[in-house]
Protein backbone atom coordinates (compact mmCIF):
# COMPACT_ATOMS: atom_id res chain seq x y z
CA MET A 1 -0.08 0.10 0.04
CA THR A 2 2.92 2.25 0.94
CA HIS A 3 4.53 1.70 -2.36
CA CYS A 4 1.30 2.45 -4.46
CA LEU A 5 0.65 5.73 -2.39
CA SER A 6 3.94 6.95 -3.07
CA PHE A 7 3.64 6.09 -7.04
CA LEU A 8 0.52 8.08 -7.04
CA LEU A 9 2.15 10.94 -5.54
CA LEU A 10 4.85 10.48 -8.11
CA LEU A 11 2.30 10.81 -10.91
CA LEU A 12 0.42 13.64 -9.51
CA THR A 13 3.78 15.92 -9.15
CA SER A 14 5.18 14.40 -12.65
CA ALA A 15 4.19 17.33 -14.79
CA THR A 16 6.68 19.64 -13.07
CA LEU A 17 9.66 17.27 -13.82
CA ALA A 18 11.57 18.94 -16.67
CA GLN A 19 14.33 16.95 -18.50
CA THR A 20 18.11 17.67 -18.93
CA THR A 21 20.07 15.87 -21.67
CA GLU A 22 23.86 15.34 -21.64
CA PRO A 23 26.09 12.99 -23.60
CA ILE A 24 27.42 9.66 -22.87
CA GLN A 25 30.19 7.69 -24.56
CA TYR A 26 31.93 4.40 -24.36
CA ALA A 27 34.90 3.43 -26.35
CA ILE A 28 34.68 -0.39 -27.22
CA THR A 29 37.17 -2.92 -25.80
CA GLN A 30 36.37 -5.81 -28.16
CA PRO A 31 38.24 -6.53 -30.25
CA ALA A 32 41.06 -5.05 -28.92
CA ASN A 33 42.47 -3.30 -31.94
CA SER A 34 39.07 -1.31 -32.83
CA SER A 35 38.81 2.68 -32.01
CA VAL A 36 35.43 3.02 -32.12
CA THR A 37 33.84 5.05 -29.47
CA LEU A 38 29.61 4.47 -29.46
CA GLU A 39 27.88 7.88 -28.78
CA GLY A 40 24.66 7.86 -26.26
CA THR A 41 22.36 10.40 -24.32
CA LEU A 42 21.67 10.36 -20.84
CA SER A 43 18.11 12.20 -20.02
CA LEU A 44 17.24 13.06 -16.41
CA PRO A 45 14.40 14.64 -14.56
CA ALA A 46 15.88 18.45 -14.01
CA ASN A 47 13.91 19.20 -10.76
CA ALA A 48 14.26 15.67 -8.96
CA LYS A 49 15.32 15.69 -5.31
CA GLY A 50 18.62 13.31 -4.77
CA ARG A 51 19.37 10.10 -6.35
CA VAL A 52 17.20 8.67 -8.79
CA PRO A 53 16.97 5.54 -11.04
CA VAL A 54 18.14 5.16 -14.16
CA VAL A 55 17.13 2.79 -16.80
CA LEU A 56 19.71 1.55 -19.61
CA LEU A 57 17.55 1.30 -22.46
CA ILE A 58 19.35 -1.00 -25.39
CA ALA A 59 18.18 -1.10 -29.20
CA GLY A 60 17.05 -4.23 -31.13
CA SER A 61 18.58 -5.64 -34.31
CA GLY A 62 19.61 -4.08 -37.51
CA PRO A 63 20.85 -0.23 -37.80
CA THR A 64 18.33 0.82 -35.01
CA ASP A 65 19.66 3.83 -33.23
CA ARG A 66 19.12 5.49 -29.46
CA ASP A 67 15.75 6.92 -30.83
CA CYS A 68 14.19 3.85 -32.69
CA ASN A 69 15.10 4.82 -35.90
CA SER A 70 17.45 4.02 -39.04
CA GLY A 71 18.01 5.18 -42.24
CA TYR A 72 16.35 2.30 -43.46
CA GLY A 73 12.88 3.43 -43.35
CA LEU A 74 12.29 3.29 -39.43
CA LYS A 75 11.17 6.33 -38.07
CA THR A 76 9.41 6.20 -34.81
CA ASP A 77 11.18 7.90 -32.00
CA ALA A 78 9.86 5.53 -29.93
CA PHE A 79 12.82 5.43 -27.55
CA ASN A 80 13.04 9.17 -27.13
CA MET A 81 9.20 9.45 -26.24
CA LEU A 82 10.09 6.49 -23.71
CA ALA A 83 12.85 8.41 -22.14
CA ASP A 84 10.77 11.67 -22.08
CA SER A 85 8.26 10.08 -20.20
CA LEU A 86 10.09 8.49 -17.91
CA ASN A 87 11.97 11.18 -16.97
CA ARG A 88 8.63 13.10 -16.19
CA LEU A 89 8.14 9.98 -13.79
CA GLY A 90 11.11 10.83 -12.05
CA ILE A 91 13.62 8.53 -13.72
CA ALA A 92 16.68 8.94 -15.63
CA VAL A 93 17.16 7.01 -19.03
CA ALA A 94 20.31 6.00 -20.97
CA ARG A 95 20.42 4.97 -24.41
CA TYR A 96 23.03 4.42 -26.92
CA ASP A 97 23.90 3.82 -30.60
CA LYS A 98 25.03 0.42 -30.86
CA ARG A 99 27.46 -0.87 -33.12
CA TYR A 100 26.66 -0.31 -36.90
CA SER A 101 23.90 2.33 -36.01
CA GLY A 102 23.55 5.84 -35.66
CA THR A 103 26.82 7.92 -35.28
CA ASN A 104 28.79 4.94 -35.84
CA LEU A 105 27.36 3.40 -38.51
CA MET A 106 30.25 4.10 -41.16
CA LYS A 107 33.17 3.91 -38.73
CA ALA A 108 32.08 0.74 -37.45
CA ALA A 109 31.48 -0.95 -40.55
CA ARG A 110 34.77 0.09 -41.76
CA GLN A 111 36.71 -1.03 -38.83
CA LEU A 112 34.50 -3.98 -37.60
CA PRO A 113 33.82 -6.25 -40.74
CA GLU A 114 30.58 -8.40 -40.61
CA GLN A 115 32.72 -11.58 -40.84
CA ASP A 116 34.51 -10.49 -37.58
CA PHE A 117 31.57 -9.58 -35.59
CA ARG A 118 30.49 -11.79 -32.58
CA PHE A 119 26.92 -11.38 -30.75
CA ASP A 120 29.11 -10.96 -27.25
CA TYR A 121 30.56 -7.62 -28.60
CA PHE A 122 27.05 -6.10 -28.32
CA VAL A 123 27.02 -7.59 -24.65
CA SER A 124 30.63 -6.22 -23.56
CA ASP A 125 29.39 -2.78 -25.11
CA ALA A 126 26.18 -2.83 -22.62
CA ILE A 127 28.32 -3.87 -19.99
CA GLY A 128 30.76 -1.02 -20.67
CA PHE A 129 27.61 1.57 -20.26
CA ILE A 130 26.17 -0.08 -17.17
CA ARG A 131 29.53 0.31 -15.11
CA GLN A 132 29.49 3.75 -15.85
CA LEU A 133 25.95 4.16 -14.78
CA GLN A 134 26.65 2.13 -11.73
CA ALA A 135 29.66 4.27 -10.89
CA ASP A 136 27.48 7.68 -10.97
CA LYS A 137 26.65 8.65 -7.50
CA ARG A 138 23.63 10.36 -9.17
CA PHE A 139 21.89 7.03 -9.55
CA SER A 140 20.31 5.07 -6.83
CA LYS A 141 19.80 1.82 -8.97
CA VAL A 142 20.47 0.56 -12.51
CA VAL A 143 17.65 -1.17 -14.52
CA VAL A 144 18.18 -2.82 -17.77
CA ALA A 145 15.62 -2.82 -20.57
CA GLY A 146 16.11 -4.51 -23.83
CA HIS A 147 14.06 -4.18 -26.88
CA SER A 148 13.63 -7.05 -29.50
CA GLU A 149 17.40 -8.41 -29.96
CA GLY A 150 18.55 -5.94 -27.26
CA SER A 151 16.41 -8.18 -24.78
CA LEU A 152 18.95 -11.00 -24.74
CA VAL A 153 21.57 -8.55 -25.04
CA GLY A 154 20.32 -7.03 -22.00
CA MET A 155 19.68 -10.01 -20.16
CA LEU A 156 22.99 -11.25 -20.31
CA ALA A 157 24.70 -8.10 -19.47
CA ALA A 158 22.15 -7.47 -16.53
CA ARG A 159 23.52 -11.01 -14.91
CA GLN A 160 27.24 -10.03 -15.66
CA THR A 161 26.82 -6.62 -13.67
CA ASN A 162 24.00 -7.54 -10.87
CA VAL A 163 21.82 -4.41 -11.64
CA SER A 164 18.54 -4.23 -9.78
CA GLY A 165 16.14 -5.35 -12.58
CA PHE A 166 15.72 -6.15 -15.86
CA ILE A 167 12.91 -5.21 -18.57
CA SER A 168 12.44 -7.53 -21.73
CA ILE A 169 10.46 -5.50 -24.38
CA ALA A 170 9.44 -7.47 -27.42
CA GLY A 171 12.08 -9.97 -26.52
CA ALA A 172 12.22 -13.66 -28.09
CA GLY A 173 11.93 -16.32 -25.66
CA GLN A 174 13.54 -18.94 -27.39
CA ASN A 175 16.77 -19.57 -29.55
CA ILE A 176 17.16 -17.39 -32.63
CA ALA A 177 17.42 -20.19 -34.59
CA ASP A 178 13.91 -21.16 -33.77
CA VAL A 179 12.36 -17.65 -34.21
CA LEU A 180 13.82 -17.49 -37.59
CA LYS A 181 12.19 -20.74 -38.31
CA THR A 182 9.11 -19.58 -37.37
CA GLN A 183 9.37 -16.32 -39.52
CA MET A 184 10.10 -18.65 -42.55
CA GLN A 185 7.28 -21.24 -42.21
CA THR A 186 5.55 -19.60 -44.93
CA LEU A 187 8.23 -20.05 -47.44
CA PRO A 188 7.79 -22.63 -50.38
CA ASP A 189 8.44 -26.24 -48.92
CA THR A 190 11.36 -26.70 -50.78
CA LEU A 191 13.14 -23.84 -49.76
CA ARG A 192 11.58 -23.90 -46.13
CA ARG A 193 13.42 -27.26 -45.61
CA VAL A 194 16.66 -26.11 -47.01
CA ALA A 195 16.24 -22.94 -44.67
CA TYR A 196 15.90 -25.43 -41.60
CA ARG A 197 18.64 -27.61 -42.32
CA SER A 198 21.10 -24.36 -42.88
CA LEU A 199 19.71 -22.85 -39.29
CA ASP A 200 20.34 -26.44 -37.68
CA SER A 201 23.63 -26.30 -39.07
CA LEU A 202 24.89 -22.85 -37.82
CA ARG A 203 23.25 -23.70 -34.41
CA ALA A 204 25.54 -26.77 -34.45
CA GLY A 205 28.58 -24.34 -34.89
CA GLN A 206 28.88 -25.56 -38.64
CA LEU A 207 29.23 -22.99 -41.14
CA VAL A 208 26.80 -23.39 -44.56
CA LYS A 209 29.39 -23.63 -47.11
CA SER A 210 27.19 -23.16 -50.00
CA PRO A 211 24.03 -21.39 -48.75
CA ASN A 212 20.92 -21.07 -51.47
CA PRO A 213 21.10 -17.88 -53.00
CA LEU A 214 17.64 -16.86 -52.12
CA LEU A 215 18.68 -17.15 -48.75
CA LEU A 216 21.95 -15.10 -48.77
CA SER A 217 20.18 -11.56 -46.86
CA LEU A 218 20.36 -14.33 -43.54
CA LEU A 219 22.98 -17.05 -44.76
CA ARG A 220 25.49 -15.11 -46.40
CA PRO A 221 28.94 -16.25 -45.24
CA SER A 222 30.28 -13.16 -43.91
CA LEU A 223 27.13 -13.20 -41.36
CA GLN A 224 27.63 -16.50 -40.28
CA PRO A 225 29.85 -16.61 -37.74
CA GLY A 226 28.24 -13.80 -35.88
CA MET A 227 24.81 -15.85 -36.16
CA ILE A 228 26.35 -18.88 -34.84
CA SER A 229 27.89 -16.74 -32.00
CA TRP A 230 23.92 -15.92 -31.17
CA MET A 231 22.58 -19.26 -31.57
CA LYS A 232 24.63 -19.99 -28.47
CA TYR A 233 21.97 -18.66 -26.26
CA ASP A 234 18.59 -19.54 -25.32
CA PRO A 235 17.02 -16.50 -23.57
CA ALA A 236 14.76 -18.80 -21.55
CA GLN A 237 17.66 -20.59 -20.01
CA GLU A 238 19.37 -16.96 -19.71
CA ILE A 239 16.77 -15.37 -17.96
CA LYS A 240 16.83 -17.95 -15.14
CA GLN A 241 20.37 -17.16 -14.42
CA PHE A 242 19.63 -13.31 -13.44
CA LYS A 243 18.97 -12.68 -9.83
CA GLY A 244 17.14 -9.73 -9.91
CA SER A 245 13.53 -8.81 -10.65
CA VAL A 246 11.84 -9.23 -13.94
CA LEU A 247 9.26 -7.54 -16.17
CA ILE A 248 8.20 -8.86 -19.59
CA ILE A 249 6.33 -6.79 -22.05
CA ASN A 250 4.80 -7.29 -25.37
CA GLY A 251 2.47 -6.28 -27.52
CA LYS A 252 -0.52 -8.40 -29.26
CA ARG A 253 -0.24 -6.37 -32.40
CA ASP A 254 3.41 -7.03 -32.81
CA PHE A 255 4.01 -9.01 -36.08
CA GLN A 256 7.82 -9.43 -35.38
CA VAL A 257 7.71 -10.96 -31.71
CA ALA A 258 4.53 -12.90 -30.59
CA VAL A 259 3.08 -12.88 -27.58
CA SER A 260 3.86 -16.59 -27.38
CA GLU A 261 7.70 -15.57 -27.15
CA ALA A 262 6.72 -13.28 -23.87
CA GLU A 263 5.11 -16.34 -22.27
CA ARG A 264 8.01 -18.59 -22.79
CA LEU A 265 10.09 -16.03 -20.86
CA LYS A 266 7.48 -15.92 -18.00
CA ALA A 267 7.40 -19.86 -17.94
CA ALA A 268 11.19 -19.69 -17.35
CA ARG A 269 10.88 -17.14 -14.83
CA PRO A 270 7.28 -17.43 -13.08
CA ASP A 271 8.29 -14.71 -10.47
CA ALA A 272 8.56 -12.14 -13.30
CA GLN A 273 5.82 -9.57 -14.20
CA LEU A 274 4.19 -10.01 -17.35
CA LEU A 275 2.27 -7.40 -19.42
CA LEU A 276 0.42 -7.42 -22.69
CA PHE A 277 -0.58 -4.65 -24.13
CA ASP A 278 -3.74 -5.50 -26.68
CA ARG A 279 -2.78 -2.81 -29.59
CA MET A 280 0.84 -2.47 -28.91
CA THR A 281 3.14 -3.28 -32.00
CA HIS A 282 6.76 -4.11 -32.19
CA VAL A 283 7.72 -0.36 -32.20
CA LEU A 284 5.73 0.76 -29.00
CA LYS A 285 3.12 2.25 -30.83
CA ASP A 286 -0.60 1.36 -31.15
CA ALA A 287 -1.91 0.18 -34.40
CA ALA A 288 -5.56 1.32 -35.05
CA THR A 289 -6.54 -2.17 -35.91
CA ASP A 290 -5.12 -5.55 -36.37
CA SER A 291 -4.45 -5.23 -40.08
CA MET A 292 -1.05 -5.40 -41.25
CA THR A 293 -1.48 -1.70 -43.12
CA ASP A 294 -2.23 -0.18 -39.79
CA LYS A 295 0.66 -1.97 -38.15
CA GLN A 296 3.29 -0.96 -40.59
CA LYS A 297 2.24 2.67 -40.03
CA THR A 298 3.67 2.48 -36.97
CA TYR A 299 6.72 1.91 -38.36
CA SER A 300 7.15 5.34 -40.33
CA ASP A 301 5.06 7.81 -38.08
CA PRO A 302 7.03 9.27 -35.61
CA THR A 303 4.23 11.54 -34.48
CA LEU A 304 2.28 8.55 -33.28
CA PRO A 305 2.14 8.77 -29.38
CA LEU A 306 3.53 5.59 -27.61
CA THR A 307 1.18 3.14 -26.35
CA PRO A 308 -0.98 4.54 -23.20
CA GLY A 309 0.05 3.13 -19.91
CA LEU A 310 3.62 1.65 -21.20
CA ALA A 311 5.90 4.20 -19.72
CA THR A 312 3.79 4.11 -16.21
CA ALA A 313 3.80 0.54 -15.84
CA ILE A 314 7.78 0.63 -16.35
CA ALA A 315 8.07 3.37 -13.97
CA GLN A 316 6.03 1.35 -11.57
CA PHE A 317 8.71 -1.59 -11.97
CA VAL A 318 11.50 0.69 -11.46
CA MET A 319 10.74 2.86 -8.73
CA PRO A 320 11.80 1.36 -5.22
């Protein structure tokens, strides 16, 4: 009851909390011969009294940047909006352009060839930012929130740094090989069987020497070592290893990550909170209907608001 009353008071006063921002950076350490520095933004509630909790927000796959945008048609501003909403609720937010995205896209592409990438590099980068936040006396606790691919990155980094809490937002609950198989169910039978065999080979740690030309976007030789390193991990097993509190969030109109993925994570961590938003898509915005056209609109209209209640639910989990 005390917690509920405290949070109600926070909501009533949130309109008075402004926001200030400052840059954050992390010079990557893996591989050792690189000189790429990741850029980020730390936003803080300007009028907060004393130490505040901070959330590290980790973006998903591809060139998705710290704002949940990319140069390939993704324009949502969703992470920027989420940071602003959490700031107004008294919570600081750190977010960064991961490798091959945002401000470091070209430099990372030149210095970090695709064939040399390993999934653990993403985890190392997240740990670097977490350590900075843990050392900052302005913060009372650190919570990690990972979106999509960032969910697995976040839970691995959270476990290694013993942060207070972890939030999976639209994160997979099974090995990426199985996720990809689900996404490939509509392929023609012959091509689907080839794809499944190729994924099984990668999961077993074996390169596919002559991938089907129709599958090169996923199975090109330069990408395969990184895929193998990703397939080492089963999110449902990894989330069991994290000792802090867990919140699992998914949207029922997410056509990239099904609700069943969130339910897998919940089954692995029965003590976790599971929140499902009826109209939310993968980019944390509501689709007007269940049609694919309306769902896809949320990927390209940055004026659409965040899913109502999302920021409040996260704040309730984060606040002590």
